[in-house]
N, C-alpha and C. Protein backbone atom coordinates (compact mmCIF):
# COMPACT_ATOMS: atom_id res chain seq x y z
N MET A 1 0.72 -1.17 0.10
CA MET A 1 -0.02 0.00 -0.23
C MET A 1 0.89 1.25 0.16
N PRO A 2 0.86 2.30 -0.89
CA PRO A 2 1.59 3.28 -0.93
C PRO A 2 1.33 4.18 0.28
N SER A 3 2.36 4.71 0.72
CA SER A 3 2.31 5.83 2.01
C SER A 3 2.65 7.35 1.75
N ASP A 4 2.60 7.95 0.42
CA ASP A 4 2.85 9.19 -0.11
C ASP A 4 2.37 9.96 0.54
N LEU A 5 1.37 9.95 1.30
CA LEU A 5 0.43 11.25 1.57
C LEU A 5 0.71 11.37 3.31
N GLN A 6 1.79 10.68 4.06
CA GLN A 6 2.08 10.71 5.11
C GLN A 6 1.98 12.06 5.93
N LYS A 7 2.72 13.27 5.13
CA LYS A 7 3.17 14.41 5.62
C LYS A 7 1.85 15.34 5.13
N THR A 8 0.64 15.06 4.58
CA THR A 8 -0.25 15.47 3.96
C THR A 8 -1.54 15.57 4.85
N ALA A 9 -2.01 16.99 5.36
CA ALA A 9 -3.37 16.91 6.00
C ALA A 9 -4.25 17.75 5.06
N ILE A 10 -5.45 17.00 4.77
CA ILE A 10 -6.60 17.53 4.32
C ILE A 10 -7.53 18.06 5.05
N LEU A 11 -7.77 19.35 5.18
CA LEU A 11 -8.65 19.69 6.36
C LEU A 11 -10.13 20.15 5.50
N PHE A 12 -11.13 20.01 6.29
CA PHE A 12 -12.42 20.13 5.87
C PHE A 12 -13.26 21.10 6.68
N ASP A 13 -13.78 22.09 6.08
CA ASP A 13 -15.00 22.76 6.73
C ASP A 13 -15.84 21.60 7.00
N LEU A 14 -16.96 22.15 8.07
CA LEU A 14 -17.89 21.06 8.29
C LEU A 14 -19.00 21.24 7.79
N ASP A 15 -19.90 22.62 8.15
CA ASP A 15 -20.97 22.73 7.72
C ASP A 15 -21.41 22.71 6.06
N GLY A 16 -21.94 22.34 5.28
CA GLY A 16 -21.86 22.60 3.81
C GLY A 16 -20.87 21.90 3.26
N THR A 17 -20.02 21.43 3.52
CA THR A 17 -18.84 20.62 3.16
C THR A 17 -18.81 19.51 3.30
N LEU A 18 -18.52 18.90 4.48
CA LEU A 18 -18.37 17.49 4.91
C LEU A 18 -19.87 17.27 5.28
N VAL A 19 -20.50 17.68 6.04
CA VAL A 19 -21.91 17.24 6.55
C VAL A 19 -23.18 18.27 6.07
N ASP A 20 -24.16 17.80 5.33
CA ASP A 20 -25.32 18.55 5.16
C ASP A 20 -25.95 18.97 6.73
N THR A 21 -26.02 19.80 7.14
CA THR A 21 -26.62 20.33 8.33
C THR A 21 -27.71 21.41 8.40
N ALA A 22 -28.18 21.67 7.33
CA ALA A 22 -29.17 22.76 7.06
C ALA A 22 -30.40 22.68 7.80
N ASP A 23 -30.86 21.41 7.49
CA ASP A 23 -32.19 21.21 8.06
C ASP A 23 -32.05 21.20 9.60
N ASP A 24 -31.12 20.34 10.53
CA ASP A 24 -31.03 20.68 11.83
C ASP A 24 -30.91 22.09 12.34
N LEU A 25 -30.10 23.06 11.73
CA LEU A 25 -29.64 24.21 12.20
C LEU A 25 -31.01 24.99 11.99
N ALA A 26 -31.79 24.67 11.01
CA ALA A 26 -32.93 25.57 10.83
C ALA A 26 -34.01 24.84 11.63
N SER A 27 -34.07 23.84 11.64
CA SER A 27 -35.10 23.56 12.94
C SER A 27 -34.66 24.26 14.33
N SER A 28 -33.33 24.25 14.83
CA SER A 28 -32.86 24.59 16.01
C SER A 28 -33.27 26.26 15.94
N MET A 29 -32.94 26.85 14.86
CA MET A 29 -32.96 28.44 14.78
C MET A 29 -34.47 28.73 14.84
N ASN A 30 -35.27 28.06 14.20
CA ASN A 30 -36.55 28.48 14.24
C ASN A 30 -37.37 28.16 15.72
N TYR A 31 -37.00 27.19 16.02
CA TYR A 31 -37.42 26.72 17.44
C TYR A 31 -37.01 27.95 18.54
N ALA A 32 -35.67 28.50 18.09
CA ALA A 32 -35.27 29.79 19.30
C ALA A 32 -36.22 30.98 18.72
N LEU A 33 -36.18 30.81 17.64
CA LEU A 33 -37.05 32.32 17.13
C LEU A 33 -38.64 32.28 17.41
N GLY A 34 -39.08 31.08 17.60
CA GLY A 34 -40.47 30.83 18.01
C GLY A 34 -40.95 31.02 19.48
N GLU A 35 -39.60 30.43 20.36
CA GLU A 35 -40.00 30.82 21.41
C GLU A 35 -39.63 32.15 21.99
N THR A 36 -38.99 33.01 21.20
CA THR A 36 -38.94 34.57 21.47
C THR A 36 -39.91 35.37 20.46
N GLY A 37 -40.85 34.63 20.11
CA GLY A 37 -42.16 35.12 19.48
C GLY A 37 -42.23 35.70 18.24
N CYS A 38 -40.91 35.07 17.50
CA CYS A 38 -40.95 35.39 16.19
C CYS A 38 -40.92 34.34 15.10
N ASP A 39 -41.59 34.70 14.14
CA ASP A 39 -41.83 33.63 12.95
C ASP A 39 -40.59 32.76 12.59
N SER A 40 -41.15 31.49 12.04
CA SER A 40 -40.04 30.60 11.30
C SER A 40 -39.56 31.39 10.14
N VAL A 41 -38.34 31.03 9.88
CA VAL A 41 -37.54 31.24 8.51
C VAL A 41 -37.60 30.15 7.57
N PRO A 42 -37.93 30.27 6.34
CA PRO A 42 -37.92 28.83 5.86
C PRO A 42 -36.42 28.28 5.63
N PRO A 43 -36.36 26.86 5.79
CA PRO A 43 -35.28 26.12 5.75
C PRO A 43 -34.25 26.38 4.26
N THR A 44 -34.88 26.81 3.07
CA THR A 44 -33.98 27.22 1.83
C THR A 44 -33.13 28.19 2.34
N GLN A 45 -33.87 29.40 3.24
CA GLN A 45 -32.93 30.63 3.69
C GLN A 45 -31.86 30.40 4.51
N VAL A 46 -32.20 29.22 5.20
CA VAL A 46 -30.92 29.32 6.24
C VAL A 46 -29.95 28.71 5.95
N ARG A 47 -29.91 27.77 4.72
CA ARG A 47 -28.46 27.25 4.08
C ARG A 47 -27.84 28.23 4.02
N HIS A 48 -28.06 29.58 3.40
CA HIS A 48 -27.12 30.66 3.31
C HIS A 48 -26.88 31.70 4.18
N LEU A 49 -27.29 31.20 5.50
CA LEU A 49 -26.85 31.82 6.99
C LEU A 49 -25.88 31.26 7.41
N VAL A 50 -25.46 29.87 7.29
CA VAL A 50 -24.44 29.14 8.06
C VAL A 50 -23.23 29.42 7.74
N GLY A 51 -22.17 29.68 8.65
CA GLY A 51 -20.99 29.83 8.28
C GLY A 51 -20.07 30.73 8.91
N PHE A 52 -20.84 31.71 9.82
CA PHE A 52 -20.27 32.47 10.40
C PHE A 52 -20.38 32.28 11.68
N GLY A 53 -21.04 31.32 12.56
CA GLY A 53 -21.24 31.01 13.85
C GLY A 53 -22.73 31.17 14.16
N ALA A 54 -23.02 30.45 15.52
CA ALA A 54 -24.72 30.57 15.69
C ALA A 54 -25.14 32.03 15.92
N ARG A 55 -24.29 32.76 16.59
CA ARG A 55 -25.08 33.86 16.87
C ARG A 55 -25.11 35.07 15.86
N ARG A 56 -24.12 34.85 14.92
CA ARG A 56 -25.01 35.52 13.52
C ARG A 56 -25.77 35.18 12.92
N MET A 57 -25.82 33.88 12.61
CA MET A 57 -27.06 33.17 12.20
C MET A 57 -28.23 33.67 12.59
N LEU A 58 -28.36 33.50 14.02
CA LEU A 58 -29.45 33.98 14.77
C LEU A 58 -29.75 35.27 14.46
N MET A 59 -28.84 36.18 14.31
CA MET A 59 -28.95 37.80 14.14
C MET A 59 -29.56 38.01 12.82
N ARG A 60 -28.96 37.23 11.59
CA ARG A 60 -29.64 37.10 10.27
C ARG A 60 -31.00 36.60 10.51
N GLY A 61 -31.41 35.62 11.14
CA GLY A 61 -32.66 35.21 11.25
C GLY A 61 -33.84 36.06 11.71
N TYR A 62 -33.48 36.34 12.64
CA TYR A 62 -34.16 37.72 13.62
C TYR A 62 -34.71 38.75 12.47
N GLN A 63 -33.40 39.10 11.27
CA GLN A 63 -33.87 40.16 10.79
C GLN A 63 -34.74 39.70 9.54
N ILE A 64 -34.64 38.75 9.14
CA ILE A 64 -35.60 38.13 8.26
C ILE A 64 -36.65 37.83 8.65
N SER A 65 -37.02 37.12 10.17
CA SER A 65 -38.02 36.85 10.81
C SER A 65 -39.32 38.28 11.22
N ALA A 66 -38.18 38.99 12.06
CA ALA A 66 -38.88 40.28 12.57
C ALA A 66 -38.63 41.54 11.88
N GLN A 67 -38.25 41.34 10.77
CA GLN A 67 -37.72 42.61 9.99
C GLN A 67 -37.15 43.82 10.61
N LYS A 68 -36.55 43.42 11.92
CA LYS A 68 -35.46 44.38 12.61
C LYS A 68 -34.26 43.62 13.43
N GLU A 69 -33.57 44.65 13.66
CA GLU A 69 -32.41 44.33 14.68
C GLU A 69 -32.73 43.59 15.88
N ALA A 70 -32.28 42.63 16.41
CA ALA A 70 -32.24 41.97 17.47
C ALA A 70 -31.36 42.86 18.66
N THR A 71 -31.86 42.75 19.63
CA THR A 71 -31.19 43.48 20.39
C THR A 71 -29.94 42.38 21.35
N GLU A 72 -28.89 42.80 21.96
CA GLU A 72 -27.70 41.89 22.64
C GLU A 72 -28.45 40.97 23.52
N ALA A 73 -29.47 41.28 24.19
CA ALA A 73 -30.46 40.59 25.02
C ALA A 73 -30.81 39.51 24.45
N GLU A 74 -31.88 40.02 23.44
CA GLU A 74 -32.70 39.03 22.67
C GLU A 74 -31.65 37.99 22.00
N LEU A 75 -30.64 38.49 21.63
CA LEU A 75 -29.59 37.42 20.68
C LEU A 75 -29.08 36.61 22.19
N ASP A 76 -28.77 36.83 23.10
CA ASP A 76 -28.33 35.83 24.00
C ASP A 76 -29.33 34.93 24.43
N THR A 77 -30.58 35.30 24.47
CA THR A 77 -31.83 34.45 25.12
C THR A 77 -32.06 33.61 23.65
N ALA A 78 -31.87 34.09 22.55
CA ALA A 78 -32.17 33.06 21.19
C ALA A 78 -30.99 32.16 21.32
N LEU A 79 -29.54 32.47 21.46
CA LEU A 79 -28.52 31.78 21.34
C LEU A 79 -28.51 30.51 22.56
N ALA A 80 -29.12 30.90 23.58
CA ALA A 80 -29.21 29.88 24.39
C ALA A 80 -30.16 28.84 24.26
N LEU A 81 -31.11 29.21 23.62
CA LEU A 81 -32.29 28.43 23.50
C LEU A 81 -31.86 27.50 22.22
N PHE A 82 -31.23 28.31 21.37
CA PHE A 82 -30.97 27.40 20.14
C PHE A 82 -29.94 26.50 20.23
N LEU A 83 -28.58 26.87 21.13
CA LEU A 83 -27.70 25.69 21.59
C LEU A 83 -27.96 24.54 22.37
N ASP A 84 -29.48 24.77 23.20
CA ASP A 84 -29.85 23.72 24.11
C ASP A 84 -30.61 22.82 22.94
N HIS A 85 -31.41 23.19 22.32
CA HIS A 85 -32.16 22.49 21.03
C HIS A 85 -31.29 21.71 20.02
N TYR A 86 -30.19 22.50 19.80
CA TYR A 86 -29.31 21.79 18.87
C TYR A 86 -28.57 20.57 19.20
N GLU A 87 -28.30 21.01 20.64
CA GLU A 87 -27.30 19.72 21.13
C GLU A 87 -27.81 18.34 21.53
N ASN A 88 -29.53 18.57 21.68
CA ASN A 88 -30.19 17.58 21.80
C ASN A 88 -30.96 16.90 20.52
N ASN A 89 -30.69 17.77 19.35
CA ASN A 89 -31.30 17.39 18.02
C ASN A 89 -30.26 17.58 17.00
N ILE A 90 -28.89 17.05 17.29
CA ILE A 90 -27.88 17.64 16.38
C ILE A 90 -27.91 16.84 15.06
N ALA A 91 -28.12 15.72 14.95
CA ALA A 91 -28.07 14.76 13.64
C ALA A 91 -29.50 14.10 13.51
N VAL A 92 -30.37 14.60 13.51
CA VAL A 92 -31.74 13.97 12.97
C VAL A 92 -31.85 13.86 11.74
N HIS A 93 -31.40 15.04 10.71
CA HIS A 93 -31.40 14.78 9.41
C HIS A 93 -29.72 15.19 8.92
N SER A 94 -28.88 15.63 9.56
CA SER A 94 -27.87 15.45 9.33
C SER A 94 -26.81 14.61 8.56
N ARG A 95 -26.38 14.60 7.66
CA ARG A 95 -25.72 13.24 6.91
C ARG A 95 -24.45 13.96 6.36
N PRO A 96 -23.42 12.87 6.09
CA PRO A 96 -22.25 13.30 5.42
C PRO A 96 -22.79 13.35 4.02
N PHE A 97 -22.09 14.35 3.04
CA PHE A 97 -22.60 14.51 1.68
C PHE A 97 -21.89 13.50 1.19
N PRO A 98 -22.85 12.49 -0.02
CA PRO A 98 -22.56 11.53 -0.84
C PRO A 98 -20.87 11.68 -1.26
N GLY A 99 -20.31 10.36 -0.89
CA GLY A 99 -18.86 10.38 -1.53
C GLY A 99 -17.48 11.15 -0.39
N ALA A 100 -18.19 11.60 0.43
CA ALA A 100 -17.07 12.27 1.14
C ALA A 100 -16.71 11.07 2.02
N ILE A 101 -17.16 10.38 2.82
CA ILE A 101 -16.22 9.29 3.28
C ILE A 101 -15.48 8.69 2.86
N GLU A 102 -16.13 7.89 1.64
CA GLU A 102 -15.42 7.36 0.84
C GLU A 102 -13.99 8.10 0.26
N MET A 103 -13.97 8.90 -0.07
CA MET A 103 -12.80 9.80 -0.38
C MET A 103 -11.75 9.91 0.79
N ILE A 104 -12.35 10.40 2.12
CA ILE A 104 -11.74 10.26 3.26
C ILE A 104 -10.58 8.80 3.06
N GLU A 105 -11.41 7.97 3.35
CA GLU A 105 -11.05 6.47 3.23
C GLU A 105 -9.78 6.32 2.41
N ARG A 106 -9.91 6.67 0.92
CA ARG A 106 -9.38 6.59 0.06
C ARG A 106 -7.94 7.15 -0.20
N PHE A 107 -8.15 8.45 0.69
CA PHE A 107 -6.50 9.02 0.91
C PHE A 107 -6.17 8.64 2.36
N ALA A 108 -6.79 8.15 3.32
CA ALA A 108 -6.57 7.74 4.07
C ALA A 108 -5.46 6.35 4.01
N GLU A 109 -5.60 5.59 3.14
CA GLU A 109 -4.91 4.46 2.92
C GLU A 109 -3.74 4.70 2.41
N ARG A 110 -3.41 5.86 2.04
CA ARG A 110 -2.25 6.45 1.65
C ARG A 110 -1.60 7.27 2.83
N GLY A 111 -1.70 7.23 3.83
CA GLY A 111 -1.10 8.07 4.94
C GLY A 111 -1.83 9.37 5.18
N ALA A 112 -2.56 9.82 4.38
CA ALA A 112 -3.28 11.31 4.85
C ALA A 112 -4.00 11.45 5.88
N ARG A 113 -3.77 12.67 6.35
CA ARG A 113 -4.34 13.12 7.96
C ARG A 113 -5.16 13.92 7.82
N PHE A 114 -6.27 13.93 8.56
CA PHE A 114 -7.67 14.78 8.39
C PHE A 114 -7.81 15.53 9.65
N ALA A 115 -8.44 16.90 8.98
CA ALA A 115 -8.76 17.70 10.47
C ALA A 115 -10.17 18.26 9.75
N ILE A 116 -10.82 19.00 10.93
CA ILE A 116 -11.98 19.82 10.62
C ILE A 116 -11.78 21.19 11.31
N CYS A 117 -11.96 22.04 10.15
CA CYS A 117 -11.86 23.36 10.45
C CYS A 117 -12.88 24.10 10.28
N THR A 118 -13.65 24.48 11.36
CA THR A 118 -15.16 24.78 11.15
C THR A 118 -15.25 26.05 12.09
N ASN A 119 -16.28 27.08 11.57
CA ASN A 119 -16.45 28.00 12.39
C ASN A 119 -17.75 27.73 13.38
N LYS A 120 -18.31 26.55 13.67
CA LYS A 120 -19.07 26.03 14.72
C LYS A 120 -18.16 25.87 15.69
N ARG A 121 -19.11 25.89 16.95
CA ARG A 121 -18.04 25.69 18.28
C ARG A 121 -17.66 24.42 18.46
N GLU A 122 -16.55 24.36 19.02
CA GLU A 122 -15.65 23.21 18.80
C GLU A 122 -16.56 21.93 19.48
N ALA A 123 -17.28 22.22 20.60
CA ALA A 123 -17.97 21.10 21.27
C ALA A 123 -19.08 20.43 20.80
N MET A 124 -19.69 21.44 19.92
CA MET A 124 -20.82 21.18 18.98
C MET A 124 -20.29 20.35 17.61
N ALA A 125 -19.25 20.55 16.97
CA ALA A 125 -18.71 20.07 16.21
C ALA A 125 -18.19 18.45 16.58
N VAL A 126 -17.68 18.53 17.68
CA VAL A 126 -17.32 17.18 18.14
C VAL A 126 -18.45 16.30 18.38
N LEU A 127 -19.48 16.68 18.84
CA LEU A 127 -20.62 16.13 19.48
C LEU A 127 -21.17 15.58 17.71
N LEU A 128 -21.46 16.78 16.78
CA LEU A 128 -22.05 16.16 15.57
C LEU A 128 -21.39 14.98 15.13
N LEU A 129 -19.74 15.04 14.96
CA LEU A 129 -18.96 13.89 14.42
C LEU A 129 -19.30 12.51 15.07
N GLU A 130 -19.20 12.98 16.61
CA GLU A 130 -19.49 11.51 17.21
C GLU A 130 -20.79 11.04 17.10
N THR A 131 -21.81 11.76 16.81
CA THR A 131 -23.42 11.40 16.74
C THR A 131 -23.37 10.53 15.53
N LEU A 132 -22.68 10.81 14.52
CA LEU A 132 -22.62 10.64 13.01
C LEU A 132 -21.55 9.16 12.89
N GLY A 133 -20.80 9.15 13.82
CA GLY A 133 -19.72 8.14 14.20
C GLY A 133 -18.69 8.38 13.17
N ILE A 134 -18.11 9.63 12.75
CA ILE A 134 -17.18 9.51 11.86
C ILE A 134 -15.89 10.56 12.57
N ALA A 135 -16.20 10.80 13.95
CA ALA A 135 -15.25 11.49 14.94
C ALA A 135 -13.64 11.03 14.50
N PRO A 136 -13.56 9.51 14.75
CA PRO A 136 -12.53 9.01 14.54
C PRO A 136 -11.46 8.90 13.17
N LEU A 137 -12.14 9.50 12.29
CA LEU A 137 -11.57 9.94 10.87
C LEU A 137 -10.58 10.98 10.98
N PHE A 138 -10.88 12.03 12.07
CA PHE A 138 -10.11 13.28 12.04
C PHE A 138 -9.18 13.06 13.22
N GLU A 139 -7.95 13.86 13.15
CA GLU A 139 -6.91 13.74 14.06
C GLU A 139 -7.36 14.85 15.07
N THR A 140 -7.84 16.09 14.58
CA THR A 140 -8.08 17.11 15.26
C THR A 140 -9.44 17.85 14.86
N ILE A 141 -10.27 18.28 15.64
CA ILE A 141 -11.37 19.53 15.45
C ILE A 141 -11.20 20.60 15.89
N VAL A 142 -11.17 21.54 15.13
CA VAL A 142 -11.00 23.18 15.35
C VAL A 142 -12.05 23.98 14.97
N GLY A 143 -12.88 24.06 15.90
CA GLY A 143 -13.88 24.96 16.03
C GLY A 143 -13.71 26.72 16.19
N ALA A 144 -14.58 27.66 15.94
CA ALA A 144 -14.49 28.89 16.12
C ALA A 144 -13.90 29.34 17.38
N ASP A 145 -13.78 28.69 18.26
CA ASP A 145 -13.81 28.90 19.85
C ASP A 145 -12.65 28.47 20.10
N THR A 146 -11.67 27.65 19.21
CA THR A 146 -10.65 26.93 19.67
C THR A 146 -9.38 27.60 19.93
N THR A 147 -9.29 28.85 19.15
CA THR A 147 -8.17 29.56 18.83
C THR A 147 -8.87 30.86 19.12
N THR A 148 -8.08 32.14 19.22
CA THR A 148 -8.20 33.50 19.41
C THR A 148 -9.25 33.98 18.34
N ALA A 149 -9.15 33.38 17.09
CA ALA A 149 -9.81 33.89 16.17
C ALA A 149 -10.61 32.92 15.25
N ALA A 150 -11.39 33.16 14.67
CA ALA A 150 -12.14 31.87 13.55
C ALA A 150 -11.80 32.17 12.31
N LYS A 151 -12.34 31.52 11.39
CA LYS A 151 -11.86 32.00 9.96
C LYS A 151 -12.80 32.91 9.69
N PRO A 152 -12.18 33.84 8.59
CA PRO A 152 -11.28 33.85 7.72
C PRO A 152 -9.92 33.96 8.47
N ASN A 153 -9.89 34.52 9.39
CA ASN A 153 -8.40 34.36 10.39
C ASN A 153 -7.65 33.27 9.90
N PRO A 154 -6.27 33.20 9.39
CA PRO A 154 -5.61 31.96 9.28
C PRO A 154 -5.46 30.71 10.49
N ALA A 155 -5.27 31.46 11.86
CA ALA A 155 -4.98 30.88 12.82
C ALA A 155 -5.70 29.16 13.24
N PRO A 156 -6.96 29.07 12.82
CA PRO A 156 -7.41 27.73 12.98
C PRO A 156 -6.51 26.92 11.63
N VAL A 157 -6.31 27.45 10.52
CA VAL A 157 -5.81 26.57 9.54
C VAL A 157 -4.11 25.80 10.03
N HIS A 158 -3.77 26.84 10.68
CA HIS A 158 -2.48 26.72 11.15
C HIS A 158 -2.52 25.96 12.23
N LEU A 159 -3.20 25.72 13.20
CA LEU A 159 -3.49 24.94 14.15
C LEU A 159 -3.58 23.72 13.71
N CYS A 160 -4.36 23.38 12.63
CA CYS A 160 -4.94 22.01 12.47
C CYS A 160 -3.63 21.59 11.51
N LEU A 161 -2.82 22.39 11.00
CA LEU A 161 -1.40 21.40 10.48
C LEU A 161 -0.77 21.47 11.57
N GLU A 162 -0.30 22.32 12.44
CA GLU A 162 0.40 21.80 13.98
C GLU A 162 -0.07 20.64 14.53
N ARG A 163 -1.40 20.58 14.55
CA ARG A 163 -1.88 19.05 15.43
C ARG A 163 -1.71 17.79 14.59
N THR A 164 -1.59 18.15 13.16
CA THR A 164 -1.58 16.84 12.35
C THR A 164 -0.26 16.38 11.86
N LYS A 165 0.62 17.56 12.43
CA LYS A 165 1.69 17.58 12.00
C LYS A 165 2.27 17.31 10.72
N ALA A 166 1.52 17.99 9.89
CA ALA A 166 1.57 17.79 8.39
C ALA A 166 2.34 18.88 7.74
N THR A 167 3.18 18.58 6.77
CA THR A 167 3.91 19.61 6.34
C THR A 167 3.47 20.66 5.05
N ARG A 168 2.21 20.12 4.61
CA ARG A 168 1.44 20.27 3.51
C ARG A 168 -0.11 20.11 3.94
N GLY A 169 -0.56 21.17 3.30
CA GLY A 169 -2.13 21.15 3.55
C GLY A 169 -3.37 21.38 2.21
N ILE A 170 -4.37 20.75 2.13
CA ILE A 170 -5.21 21.09 1.22
C ILE A 170 -6.45 21.53 1.86
N PHE A 171 -7.04 22.51 1.57
CA PHE A 171 -8.20 23.11 2.34
C PHE A 171 -9.42 22.37 1.68
N ILE A 172 -10.42 22.17 1.83
CA ILE A 172 -11.69 21.91 1.39
C ILE A 172 -13.16 22.81 2.34
N GLY A 173 -13.76 23.64 1.07
CA GLY A 173 -14.48 24.46 2.01
C GLY A 173 -15.97 24.58 0.77
N ASP A 174 -16.65 25.68 1.36
CA ASP A 174 -17.81 25.91 0.59
C ASP A 174 -17.90 27.43 0.28
N SER A 175 -17.08 28.21 1.09
CA SER A 175 -17.80 29.76 1.02
C SER A 175 -16.42 30.35 0.70
N ASP A 176 -16.75 31.92 0.56
CA ASP A 176 -15.51 32.78 1.06
C ASP A 176 -14.84 32.64 1.86
N THR A 177 -15.44 32.36 3.21
CA THR A 177 -14.74 32.53 4.49
C THR A 177 -13.68 31.39 4.09
N ASP A 178 -13.95 30.21 3.49
CA ASP A 178 -12.98 29.16 3.55
C ASP A 178 -11.84 29.68 2.32
N ILE A 179 -12.26 30.23 1.66
CA ILE A 179 -11.20 30.71 0.61
C ILE A 179 -10.34 31.70 1.20
N LYS A 180 -10.61 32.68 1.99
CA LYS A 180 -10.04 33.39 2.23
C LYS A 180 -9.17 32.96 3.55
N ALA A 181 -9.41 32.36 4.30
CA ALA A 181 -9.07 31.22 5.51
C ALA A 181 -7.54 30.36 5.03
N ALA A 182 -7.85 29.80 3.68
CA ALA A 182 -6.89 28.88 3.20
C ALA A 182 -5.95 29.89 2.35
N ALA A 183 -6.23 31.07 1.66
CA ALA A 183 -5.37 32.04 1.14
C ALA A 183 -4.48 32.39 1.90
N ALA A 184 -4.89 32.89 3.20
CA ALA A 184 -4.00 33.38 4.23
C ALA A 184 -2.95 32.31 4.95
N ALA A 185 -3.55 31.48 4.93
CA ALA A 185 -2.50 30.39 5.31
C ALA A 185 -1.75 29.89 4.20
N GLU A 186 -1.80 30.43 2.82
CA GLU A 186 -0.81 30.09 1.85
C GLU A 186 -1.21 28.42 1.42
N MET A 187 -2.52 27.84 1.30
CA MET A 187 -3.16 26.41 1.33
C MET A 187 -3.88 26.46 0.24
N PRO A 188 -3.75 25.67 -0.73
CA PRO A 188 -4.65 25.61 -2.22
C PRO A 188 -6.01 25.32 -1.64
N CYS A 189 -7.07 25.91 -2.03
CA CYS A 189 -8.44 25.67 -1.34
C CYS A 189 -9.33 25.12 -2.75
N PHE A 190 -10.11 23.95 -2.39
CA PHE A 190 -11.07 23.35 -3.11
C PHE A 190 -12.61 23.61 -2.59
N ILE A 191 -13.54 23.95 -3.54
CA ILE A 191 -14.77 24.27 -2.86
C ILE A 191 -15.93 23.61 -3.68
N ALA A 192 -16.57 23.41 -2.56
CA ALA A 192 -17.79 22.28 -2.91
C ALA A 192 -18.98 23.58 -3.48
N ARG A 193 -19.62 23.24 -4.79
CA ARG A 193 -20.17 24.10 -5.37
C ARG A 193 -21.67 23.80 -4.39
N PHE A 194 -22.19 22.51 -4.16
CA PHE A 194 -23.42 22.22 -3.45
C PHE A 194 -23.50 22.49 -1.97
N GLY A 195 -22.40 23.47 -1.60
CA GLY A 195 -22.53 23.83 -0.17
C GLY A 195 -23.36 25.16 0.08
N TYR A 196 -23.04 25.86 1.22
CA TYR A 196 -23.85 26.74 1.51
C TYR A 196 -23.63 28.18 1.22
N GLY A 197 -22.25 28.34 0.76
CA GLY A 197 -21.73 29.67 0.22
C GLY A 197 -21.84 30.74 1.47
N PRO A 198 -21.52 32.07 0.80
CA PRO A 198 -21.37 32.45 -0.54
C PRO A 198 -20.07 32.02 -1.28
N ILE A 199 -20.14 32.13 -2.63
CA ILE A 199 -18.61 32.15 -3.19
C ILE A 199 -18.45 32.93 -4.18
N THR A 200 -18.47 34.15 -3.82
CA THR A 200 -18.32 35.41 -4.73
C THR A 200 -16.55 35.28 -5.29
N LEU A 201 -15.90 34.58 -4.36
CA LEU A 201 -14.43 34.73 -4.58
C LEU A 201 -14.08 33.26 -5.45
N ALA A 202 -14.80 32.66 -5.98
CA ALA A 202 -14.71 31.40 -6.58
C ALA A 202 -13.38 31.37 -7.56
N ASP A 203 -12.94 32.53 -7.93
CA ASP A 203 -11.85 32.74 -9.15
C ASP A 203 -10.60 32.50 -7.95
N GLN A 204 -10.42 32.68 -6.94
CA GLN A 204 -9.49 32.71 -6.20
C GLN A 204 -9.25 31.30 -5.23
N ALA A 205 -9.86 30.14 -5.53
CA ALA A 205 -10.23 29.04 -5.47
C ALA A 205 -9.25 28.12 -6.20
N ARG A 206 -8.38 27.22 -6.02
CA ARG A 206 -8.04 26.15 -6.70
C ARG A 206 -8.62 25.46 -7.64
N GLY A 207 -10.17 25.18 -7.37
CA GLY A 207 -10.93 24.18 -7.91
C GLY A 207 -12.36 24.27 -7.20
N LEU A 208 -13.41 23.95 -8.16
CA LEU A 208 -14.73 23.92 -7.70
C LEU A 208 -15.29 22.72 -8.32
N PHE A 209 -15.69 21.81 -7.20
CA PHE A 209 -16.51 20.41 -7.77
C PHE A 209 -17.83 20.49 -7.23
N ASP A 210 -18.69 19.69 -7.99
CA ASP A 210 -19.93 19.42 -7.84
C ASP A 210 -20.29 18.20 -6.90
N ASN A 211 -19.19 17.11 -6.79
CA ASN A 211 -19.49 16.21 -6.22
C ASN A 211 -18.24 15.69 -5.58
N TYR A 212 -18.51 15.00 -4.63
CA TYR A 212 -16.68 14.19 -3.97
C TYR A 212 -16.05 13.17 -4.90
N LYS A 213 -16.76 12.67 -5.84
CA LYS A 213 -15.99 11.80 -7.00
C LYS A 213 -15.17 12.87 -7.94
N GLU A 214 -15.82 14.09 -7.84
CA GLU A 214 -14.90 15.22 -8.81
C GLU A 214 -13.92 15.75 -8.43
N GLY A 215 -14.37 16.13 -6.79
CA GLY A 215 -13.14 16.65 -5.86
C GLY A 215 -12.25 15.73 -5.84
N ALA A 216 -12.12 14.40 -5.55
CA ALA A 216 -10.97 13.62 -5.40
C ALA A 216 -10.10 13.91 -6.57
N LEU A 217 -10.61 13.85 -7.70
CA LEU A 217 -9.77 13.83 -8.69
C LEU A 217 -8.70 15.20 -8.89
N MET A 218 -9.67 16.13 -8.69
CA MET A 218 -9.15 17.56 -8.42
C MET A 218 -7.72 17.38 -7.65
N ILE A 219 -8.27 17.08 -6.40
CA ILE A 219 -7.22 16.82 -5.15
C ILE A 219 -5.90 16.22 -5.44
N GLU A 220 -6.30 14.99 -6.34
CA GLU A 220 -5.28 14.24 -6.70
C GLU A 220 -4.55 15.02 -7.44
N ASP A 221 -4.81 15.71 -8.38
CA ASP A 221 -4.25 16.49 -9.02
C ASP A 221 -3.34 17.19 -8.26
N ALA A 222 -3.62 18.17 -7.59
CA ALA A 222 -3.15 19.07 -6.66
C ALA A 222 -1.92 18.57 -5.82
N LEU A 223 -2.15 17.25 -5.64
CA LEU A 223 -1.22 16.54 -4.66
C LEU A 223 0.10 16.08 -5.24
N ARG A 224 -0.32 15.98 -6.81
CA ARG A 224 0.88 15.38 -7.61
C ARG A 224 1.84 16.82 -7.92
N ALA A 225 1.04 18.01 -7.72
CA ALA A 225 1.80 19.28 -8.03
C ALA A 225 3.31 19.28 -7.50
């Protein structure tokens, strides 16, 4: 078995990249909004609110639902309700995107190491991966609160490399935030078109893919470079 990737780390964003979490996030956000007297936000709109952390997602959800800005106190209340509900319903509908785990296993056979680099809180990211039974695939899980700064700051990316003891990395994401973080860390970034976005900076990514079979081929080419 070849072991040419032992010093290579493949970093994944979580929501919208590795796992389709939108329905469970929407359910928990709408629960929190409902408990604070607001109307629900259509799940299709929630997909595009993911990626900047729960508080900002709720802030945008409140703007859509109530047509006004939430106060800090209202956000504090909504966040507590959201986190409690989400912790207890974290993987009702959430599943890895098709082909993602197979791609990981394929590169793992060659010695590659894997990390999660997300703007989800670390504890929630760990809980989600453990509930799905895929946490053992990753050497480290770095969340928005793991370091002093979240993506697009490169600090979480650097920490993933440090913890995996890799000398080179590939970043897989679904948004401008991921593109910026990877660029700041001087790491090639591949973007999942099926994710939550936005991807207005697509021209700055190494490549965009529509499924993990296509993504694996792109990453393979990059690893040969």
